[in-house]
């Protein structure tokens, strides 16, 4: 029952927020929670929600922010050439923003959070 409640809370939070964090100890179900929610929403694709809007497929892009440098993740400016190079996240978001489909895109940083 507790896991389902957490999935419902995550869903309700996604309705009112554009960005959020799932925090908790390792093995507490954070990853599984967003995976199950994405699968459930995708399974409901085309059906009407209580708000009257239709559910859409969810595409999840998972990144471990600790596995690459900040420049590789977000992009970086080269002071020598004065050129900007997109990072992985900025490239994904650029493609997602240009997409004409109705699919929801979730960009997940799944890994440890440092202060």
Protein backbone atom coordinates (compact mmCIF):
# COMPACT_ATOMS: atom_id res chain seq x y z
CA UNK A 1 0.00 0.00 0.00
CA UNK A 2 2.82 2.45 0.82
CA UNK A 3 4.48 2.11 -2.58
CA UNK A 4 1.23 2.77 -4.45
CA UNK A 5 0.67 5.85 -2.27
CA UNK A 6 4.14 7.14 -3.20
CA UNK A 7 3.40 6.60 -6.91
CA UNK A 8 0.14 8.53 -6.57
CA UNK A 9 1.93 11.34 -4.73
CA UNK A 10 4.54 11.50 -7.49
CA UNK A 11 1.80 11.66 -10.13
CA UNK A 12 0.00 14.45 -8.30
CA UNK A 13 3.26 16.37 -7.96
CA UNK A 14 3.99 16.08 -11.69
CA UNK A 15 0.64 17.75 -12.39
CA UNK A 16 1.52 20.91 -10.46
CA UNK A 17 5.35 21.05 -10.90
CA UNK A 18 7.66 21.13 -13.93
CA UNK A 19 10.61 19.79 -11.97
CA UNK A 20 10.98 17.79 -8.79
CA UNK A 21 13.35 15.64 -6.78
CA UNK A 22 12.81 12.22 -5.31
CA UNK A 23 15.07 11.88 -2.29
CA UNK A 24 15.68 9.03 0.09
CA UNK A 25 18.17 6.36 1.00
CA UNK A 26 19.51 3.86 -1.53
CA UNK A 27 17.09 1.02 -2.16
CA UNK A 28 14.02 2.94 -0.96
CA UNK A 29 12.17 2.67 -4.29
CA UNK A 30 12.74 6.08 -5.89
CA UNK A 31 13.74 4.68 -9.29
CA UNK A 32 11.04 2.02 -9.30
CA UNK A 33 8.43 4.64 -8.36
CA UNK A 34 9.03 6.82 -11.43
CA UNK A 35 9.44 3.75 -13.66
CA UNK A 36 6.10 2.30 -12.56
CA UNK A 37 4.37 5.68 -12.91
CA UNK A 38 5.76 6.17 -16.43
CA UNK A 39 4.59 2.69 -17.44
CA UNK A 40 1.15 3.25 -15.92
CA UNK A 41 0.66 6.60 -17.67
CA UNK A 42 1.83 5.10 -20.96
CA UNK A 43 -0.63 2.20 -20.53
CA UNK A 44 -3.41 4.77 -20.05
CA UNK A 45 -2.48 6.65 -23.26
CA UNK A 46 -5.56 8.07 -24.95
CA UNK A 47 -7.88 7.61 -21.98
CA UNK A 48 -9.40 10.64 -20.27
CA UNK A 49 -8.15 11.65 -16.85
CA UNK A 50 -10.40 13.12 -14.15
CA UNK A 51 -9.35 16.59 -15.33
CA UNK A 52 -10.67 15.79 -18.81
CA UNK A 53 -7.25 15.74 -20.48
CA UNK A 54 -6.01 12.59 -22.16
CA UNK A 55 -3.10 10.62 -20.80
CA UNK A 56 -0.02 10.59 -23.01
CA UNK A 57 2.88 8.20 -23.44
CA UNK A 58 5.88 8.96 -21.21
CA UNK A 59 9.41 8.67 -22.55
CA UNK A 60 12.06 8.61 -19.82
CA UNK A 61 15.64 9.72 -20.44
CA UNK A 62 17.83 8.56 -17.56
CA UNK A 63 21.20 10.14 -16.86
CA UNK A 64 23.63 9.54 -14.02
CA UNK A 65 25.03 13.04 -13.39
CA UNK A 66 28.04 11.64 -11.52
CA UNK A 67 29.26 9.58 -14.48
CA UNK A 68 30.27 12.58 -16.65
CA UNK A 69 31.63 16.09 -16.21
CA UNK A 70 29.39 19.12 -15.74
CA UNK A 71 30.38 20.33 -19.22
CA UNK A 72 29.46 17.00 -20.78
CA UNK A 73 26.13 17.04 -18.95
CA UNK A 74 24.97 20.64 -19.43
CA UNK A 75 27.25 21.99 -22.16
CA UNK A 76 30.17 24.35 -22.01
CA UNK A 77 31.64 27.50 -23.45
CA UNK A 78 35.15 27.29 -24.89
CA UNK A 79 36.95 30.47 -23.83
CA UNK A 80 39.59 30.03 -26.54
CA UNK A 81 37.26 29.66 -29.54
CA UNK A 82 34.19 31.37 -28.02
CA UNK A 83 32.06 28.43 -29.12
CA UNK A 84 29.29 26.75 -27.18
CA UNK A 85 29.07 22.96 -27.18
CA UNK A 86 25.81 21.40 -26.05
CA UNK A 87 25.97 18.76 -23.37
CA UNK A 88 23.95 15.57 -23.27
CA UNK A 89 21.06 17.11 -21.32
CA UNK A 90 20.84 20.28 -23.40
CA UNK A 91 20.90 18.16 -26.58
CA UNK A 92 18.08 15.94 -25.29
CA UNK A 93 15.97 18.92 -24.24
CA UNK A 94 16.57 20.71 -27.54
CA UNK A 95 15.29 17.65 -29.46
CA UNK A 96 12.38 17.23 -27.03
CA UNK A 97 11.36 20.88 -27.31
CA UNK A 98 11.33 20.66 -31.12
CA UNK A 99 9.25 17.46 -31.14
CA UNK A 100 5.75 17.80 -32.50
CA UNK A 101 4.30 14.76 -30.74
CA UNK A 102 2.29 14.91 -27.52
CA UNK A 103 4.54 12.43 -25.73
CA UNK A 104 5.67 13.50 -22.27
CA UNK A 105 9.42 13.58 -21.84
CA UNK A 106 10.98 13.04 -18.43
CA UNK A 107 14.68 13.85 -18.04
CA UNK A 108 15.81 11.96 -14.96
CA UNK A 109 19.04 12.42 -13.06
CA UNK A 110 19.20 9.08 -11.29
CA UNK A 111 22.14 9.08 -8.95
CA UNK A 112 23.57 10.66 -5.82
CA UNK A 113 22.90 14.34 -5.12
CA UNK A 114 25.76 16.46 -3.82
CA UNK A 115 25.36 19.80 -2.09
